[in-house]
C-alpha atoms as a PDB file:
ATOM      1  CA  MET A   1     -44.591 -29.025   3.614  1.00  0.00           C
ATOM      2  CA  THR A   2     -45.972 -31.750   1.362  1.00  0.00           C
ATOM      3  CA  ILE A   3     -49.529 -32.356   0.945  1.00  0.00           C
ATOM      4  CA  SER A   4     -50.983 -35.405  -0.126  1.00  0.00           C
ATOM      5  CA  LEU A   5     -54.830 -35.320  -1.282  1.00  0.00           C
ATOM      6  CA  SER A   6     -56.802 -38.736  -2.280  1.00  0.00           C
ATOM      7  CA  THR A   7     -58.101 -39.034  -6.114  1.00  0.00           C
ATOM      8  CA  SER A   8     -61.678 -38.714  -4.836  1.00  0.00           C
ATOM      9  CA  ILE A   9     -60.358 -35.261  -3.196  1.00  0.00           C
ATOM     10  CA  ARG A  10     -58.336 -34.800  -6.318  1.00  0.00           C
ATOM     11  CA  ASN A  11     -61.212 -35.259  -8.742  1.00  0.00           C
ATOM     12  CA  ALA A  12     -63.362 -32.921  -6.251  1.00  0.00           C
ATOM     13  CA  VAL A  13     -61.221 -29.465  -5.876  1.00  0.00           C
ATOM     14  CA  ALA A  14     -60.496 -30.502 -10.069  1.00  0.00           C
ATOM     15  CA  GLY A  15     -64.360 -29.999 -10.470  1.00  0.00           C
ATOM     16  CA  ILE A  16     -64.422 -27.215  -8.930  1.00  0.00           C
ATOM     17  CA  LEU A  17     -61.969 -25.377 -10.722  1.00  0.00           C
ATOM     18  CA  ASN A  18     -63.548 -26.769 -13.656  1.00  0.00           C
ATOM     19  CA  THR A  19     -66.851 -25.054 -13.632  1.00  0.00           C
ATOM     20  CA  SER A  20     -65.952 -22.073 -10.880  1.00  0.00           C
ATOM     21  CA  THR A  21     -63.341 -20.325 -13.604  1.00  0.00           C
ATOM     22  CA  TYR A  22     -66.092 -19.127 -15.990  1.00  0.00           C
ATOM     23  CA  ILE A  23     -67.730 -16.085 -15.302  1.00  0.00           C
ATOM     24  CA  GLY A  24     -68.013 -14.995 -18.647  1.00  0.00           C
ATOM     25  CA  GLY A  25     -65.153 -13.694 -20.961  1.00  0.00           C
ATOM     26  CA  LEU A  26     -63.014 -16.386 -19.945  1.00  0.00           C
ATOM     27  CA  ALA A  27     -59.642 -15.995 -21.915  1.00  0.00           C
ATOM     28  CA  LEU A  28     -56.048 -17.754 -21.428  1.00  0.00           C
ATOM     29  CA  GLU A  29     -53.110 -15.158 -21.802  1.00  0.00           C
ATOM     30  CA  ILE A  30     -49.857 -16.464 -23.064  1.00  0.00           C
ATOM     31  CA  ARG A  31     -46.822 -13.900 -21.890  1.00  0.00           C
ATOM     32  CA  SER A  32     -43.284 -14.179 -21.677  1.00  0.00           C
ATOM     33  CA  GLY A  33     -41.000 -13.011 -18.221  1.00  0.00           C
ATOM     34  CA  THR A  34     -41.111 -14.103 -14.685  1.00  0.00           C
ATOM     35  CA  ARG A  35     -44.157 -15.528 -13.831  1.00  0.00           C
ATOM     36  CA  PRO A  36     -45.584 -13.437 -10.760  1.00  0.00           C
ATOM     37  CA  ALA A  37     -45.786 -14.962  -7.119  1.00  0.00           C
ATOM     38  CA  THR A  38     -48.987 -14.598  -6.779  1.00  0.00           C
ATOM     39  CA  LEU A  39     -52.512 -14.078  -9.077  1.00  0.00           C
ATOM     40  CA  GLY A  40     -52.810 -11.060  -6.926  1.00  0.00           C
ATOM     41  CA  SER A  41     -49.255  -9.390  -8.555  1.00  0.00           C
ATOM     42  CA  SER A  42     -49.254  -7.606 -11.741  1.00  0.00           C
ATOM     43  CA  PRO A  43     -46.282  -9.327 -13.932  1.00  0.00           C
ATOM     44  CA  PRO A  44     -42.889  -7.925 -13.079  1.00  0.00           C
ATOM     45  CA  ASP A  45     -41.551  -7.797 -16.323  1.00  0.00           C
ATOM     46  CA  GLY A  46     -42.888  -9.415 -19.943  1.00  0.00           C
ATOM     47  CA  LEU A  47     -45.324  -8.912 -22.392  1.00  0.00           C
ATOM     48  CA  LYS A  48     -48.732 -10.879 -23.157  1.00  0.00           C
ATOM     49  CA  LEU A  49     -47.727 -12.186 -26.531  1.00  0.00           C
ATOM     50  CA  GLY A  50     -51.506 -13.369 -27.070  1.00  0.00           C
ATOM     51  CA  GLN A  51     -54.766 -14.396 -25.638  1.00  0.00           C
ATOM     52  CA  LEU A  52     -56.701 -17.641 -26.491  1.00  0.00           C
ATOM     53  CA  THR A  53     -60.468 -17.850 -26.489  1.00  0.00           C
ATOM     54  CA  MET A  54     -61.027 -20.848 -23.635  1.00  0.00           C
ATOM     55  CA  PRO A  55     -63.914 -23.762 -23.877  1.00  0.00           C
ATOM     56  CA  GLY A  56     -67.190 -23.265 -22.285  1.00  0.00           C
ATOM     57  CA  VAL A  57     -68.829 -23.435 -18.687  1.00  0.00           C
ATOM     58  CA  SER A  58     -66.788 -26.750 -18.275  1.00  0.00           C
ATOM     59  CA  ILE A  59     -62.983 -26.161 -19.570  1.00  0.00           C
ATOM     60  CA  GLY A  60     -62.264 -29.617 -19.894  1.00  0.00           C
ATOM     61  CA  THR A  61     -62.181 -33.215 -18.734  1.00  0.00           C
ATOM     62  CA  ILE A  62     -61.432 -34.796 -15.266  1.00  0.00           C
ATOM     63  CA  SER A  63     -59.339 -37.769 -14.543  1.00  0.00           C
ATOM     64  CA  ALA A  64     -57.272 -38.959 -11.488  1.00  0.00           C
ATOM     65  CA  GLY A  65     -57.472 -35.118 -10.390  1.00  0.00           C
ATOM     66  CA  ASN A  66     -56.278 -33.231 -13.306  1.00  0.00           C
ATOM     67  CA  ILE A  67     -57.800 -31.350 -16.234  1.00  0.00           C
ATOM     68  CA  SER A  68     -57.388 -31.901 -19.346  1.00  0.00           C
ATOM     69  CA  VAL A  69     -58.731 -28.701 -21.186  1.00  0.00           C
ATOM     70  CA  GLY A  70     -60.961 -28.925 -24.061  1.00  0.00           C
ATOM     71  CA  THR A  71     -60.586 -27.074 -27.318  1.00  0.00           C
ATOM     72  CA  LEU A  72     -58.764 -23.715 -27.339  1.00  0.00           C
ATOM     73  CA  THR A  73     -59.312 -21.446 -30.053  1.00  0.00           C
ATOM     74  CA  ASN A  74     -55.922 -20.895 -31.290  1.00  0.00           C
ATOM     75  CA  ASP A  75     -54.478 -16.798 -31.649  1.00  0.00           C
ATOM     76  CA  ALA A  76     -54.778 -16.465 -35.155  1.00  0.00           C
ATOM     77  CA  SER A  77     -51.946 -13.401 -34.743  1.00  0.00           C
ATOM     78  CA  ALA A  78     -50.066 -13.009 -31.773  1.00  0.00           C
ATOM     79  CA  ASP A  79     -49.624  -9.874 -30.235  1.00  0.00           C
ATOM     80  CA  ASN A  80     -46.383  -9.124 -29.649  1.00  0.00           C
ATOM     81  CA  THR A  81     -42.700 -11.573 -30.256  1.00  0.00           C
ATOM     82  CA  GLY A  82     -40.684 -13.239 -27.539  1.00  0.00           C
ATOM     83  CA  THR A  83     -40.886 -16.270 -25.655  1.00  0.00           C
ATOM     84  CA  ALA A  84     -43.955 -17.770 -24.298  1.00  0.00           C
ATOM     85  CA  THR A  85     -42.843 -18.623 -20.260  1.00  0.00           C
ATOM     86  CA  TRP A  86     -46.320 -18.649 -18.039  1.00  0.00           C
ATOM     87  CA  TRP A  87     -49.829 -18.610 -18.835  1.00  0.00           C
ATOM     88  CA  ARG A  88     -52.505 -17.193 -16.684  1.00  0.00           C
ATOM     89  CA  ILE A  89     -56.792 -17.487 -17.699  1.00  0.00           C
ATOM     90  CA  VAL A  90     -58.789 -14.267 -16.611  1.00  0.00           C
ATOM     91  CA  PHE A  91     -62.021 -13.461 -17.256  1.00  0.00           C
ATOM     92  CA  ALA A  92     -64.089  -9.821 -17.203  1.00  0.00           C
ATOM     93  CA  TYR A  93     -65.005  -8.432 -14.212  1.00  0.00           C
ATOM     94  CA  SER A  94     -67.027  -5.526 -14.084  1.00  0.00           C
ATOM     95  CA  GLY A  95     -66.653  -4.607 -17.561  1.00  0.00           C
ATOM     96  CA  SER A  96     -63.183  -4.529 -18.541  1.00  0.00           C
ATOM     97  CA  LEU A  97     -61.284  -5.353 -15.765  1.00  0.00           C
ATOM     98  CA  LEU A  98     -59.439  -8.624 -16.145  1.00  0.00           C
ATOM     99  CA  MET A  99     -59.260 -10.660 -13.117  1.00  0.00           C
ATOM    100  CA  PRO A 100     -56.709 -13.779 -13.244  1.00  0.00           C
ATOM    101  CA  THR A 101     -58.458 -17.438 -12.025  1.00  0.00           C
ATOM    102  CA  MET A 102     -54.949 -19.498 -12.123  1.00  0.00           C
ATOM    103  CA  ASP A 103     -51.388 -19.655 -14.185  1.00  0.00           C
ATOM    104  CA  GLY A 104     -48.830 -22.108 -14.548  1.00  0.00           C
ATOM    105  CA  THR A 105     -45.880 -22.838 -17.421  1.00  0.00           C
ATOM    106  CA  CYS A 106     -45.913 -22.662 -21.057  1.00  0.00           C
ATOM    107  CA  GLY A 107     -43.368 -25.259 -22.671  1.00  0.00           C
ATOM    108  CA  VAL A 108     -42.817 -27.696 -25.184  1.00  0.00           C
ATOM    109  CA  THR A 109     -43.333 -32.072 -25.475  1.00  0.00           C
ATOM    110  CA  GLY A 110     -41.368 -33.253 -23.293  1.00  0.00           C
ATOM    111  CA  SER A 111     -41.094 -29.990 -20.868  1.00  0.00           C
ATOM    112  CA  GLY A 112     -42.856 -30.798 -18.148  1.00  0.00           C
ATOM    113  CA  ALA A 113     -45.101 -27.883 -18.791  1.00  0.00           C
ATOM    114  CA  ASP A 114     -48.400 -26.921 -17.977  1.00  0.00           C
ATOM    115  CA  LEU A 115     -49.519 -25.646 -21.348  1.00  0.00           C
ATOM    116  CA  ILE A 116     -47.732 -27.311 -24.561  1.00  0.00           C
ATOM    117  CA  LEU A 117     -47.190 -25.079 -27.313  1.00  0.00           C
ATOM    118  CA  ASP A 118     -45.899 -25.997 -30.313  1.00  0.00           C
ATOM    119  CA  SER A 119     -43.318 -24.029 -30.391  1.00  0.00           C
ATOM    120  CA  VAL A 120     -42.336 -21.234 -26.750  1.00  0.00           C
ATOM    121  CA  THR A 121     -40.331 -18.865 -29.974  1.00  0.00           C
ATOM    122  CA  ILE A 122     -43.627 -16.312 -30.501  1.00  0.00           C
ATOM    123  CA  THR A 123     -43.691 -14.360 -33.355  1.00  0.00           C
ATOM    124  CA  ALA A 124     -45.961 -11.190 -33.466  1.00  0.00           C
ATOM    125  CA  GLY A 125     -48.547 -11.476 -35.999  1.00  0.00           C
ATOM    126  CA  VAL A 126     -48.199 -15.599 -36.410  1.00  0.00           C
ATOM    127  CA  PRO A 127     -50.223 -18.218 -34.641  1.00  0.00           C
ATOM    128  CA  ILE A 128     -50.017 -19.330 -31.577  1.00  0.00           C
ATOM    129  CA  ASN A 129     -50.808 -22.967 -31.705  1.00  0.00           C
ATOM    130  CA  VAL A 130     -51.817 -25.060 -28.684  1.00  0.00           C
ATOM    131  CA  VAL A 131     -50.557 -28.930 -28.739  1.00  0.00           C
ATOM    132  CA  SER A 132     -52.406 -29.750 -25.277  1.00  0.00           C
ATOM    133  CA  PHE A 133     -53.379 -28.005 -21.743  1.00  0.00           C
ATOM    134  CA  THR A 134     -53.246 -29.490 -17.951  1.00  0.00           C
ATOM    135  CA  ILE A 135     -54.370 -28.377 -14.957  1.00  0.00           C
ATOM    136  CA  TYR A 136     -52.491 -30.765 -12.128  1.00  0.00           C
ATOM    137  CA  THR A 137     -54.034 -30.347  -8.262  1.00  0.00           C
ATOM    138  CA  PRO A 138     -51.757 -31.779  -5.836  1.00  0.00           C
ATOM    139  CA  HIS A 139     -50.741 -35.206  -6.349  1.00  0.00           C
ATOM    140  CA  ALA A 140     -50.505 -38.242  -3.620  1.00  0.00           C
ATOM    141  CA  THR A 141     -47.317 -39.465  -2.463  1.00  0.00           C
END
């Protein structure tokens, strides 16, 4: 089944995502391995390669139902070595418990991924640099 939404509904959905994901301590994890089937699932394999700081209360600008994420604070020193395949936005809840809010794909320019990195080959101790990041809502068909 395919869902089609008007641009006004997509903009409203993007607006909710844009402002409701920020609770406090919002971060973007860059991960290797297989992306889990649901947000409630723990990653089945792979590593957290690094973590970037998200923008403040509004994470980006909305256009045609999509969010172009604002300035991210790049990770100056990756935690682990591996191939970046997916990302997850998390926030601190009840102290140090991390609650996932959304996830998606990593790639390089031309890959069609949501999160575009300068390289998906991540090396521990080396910076992780984001080229662009767009959160897409369902499109009208």
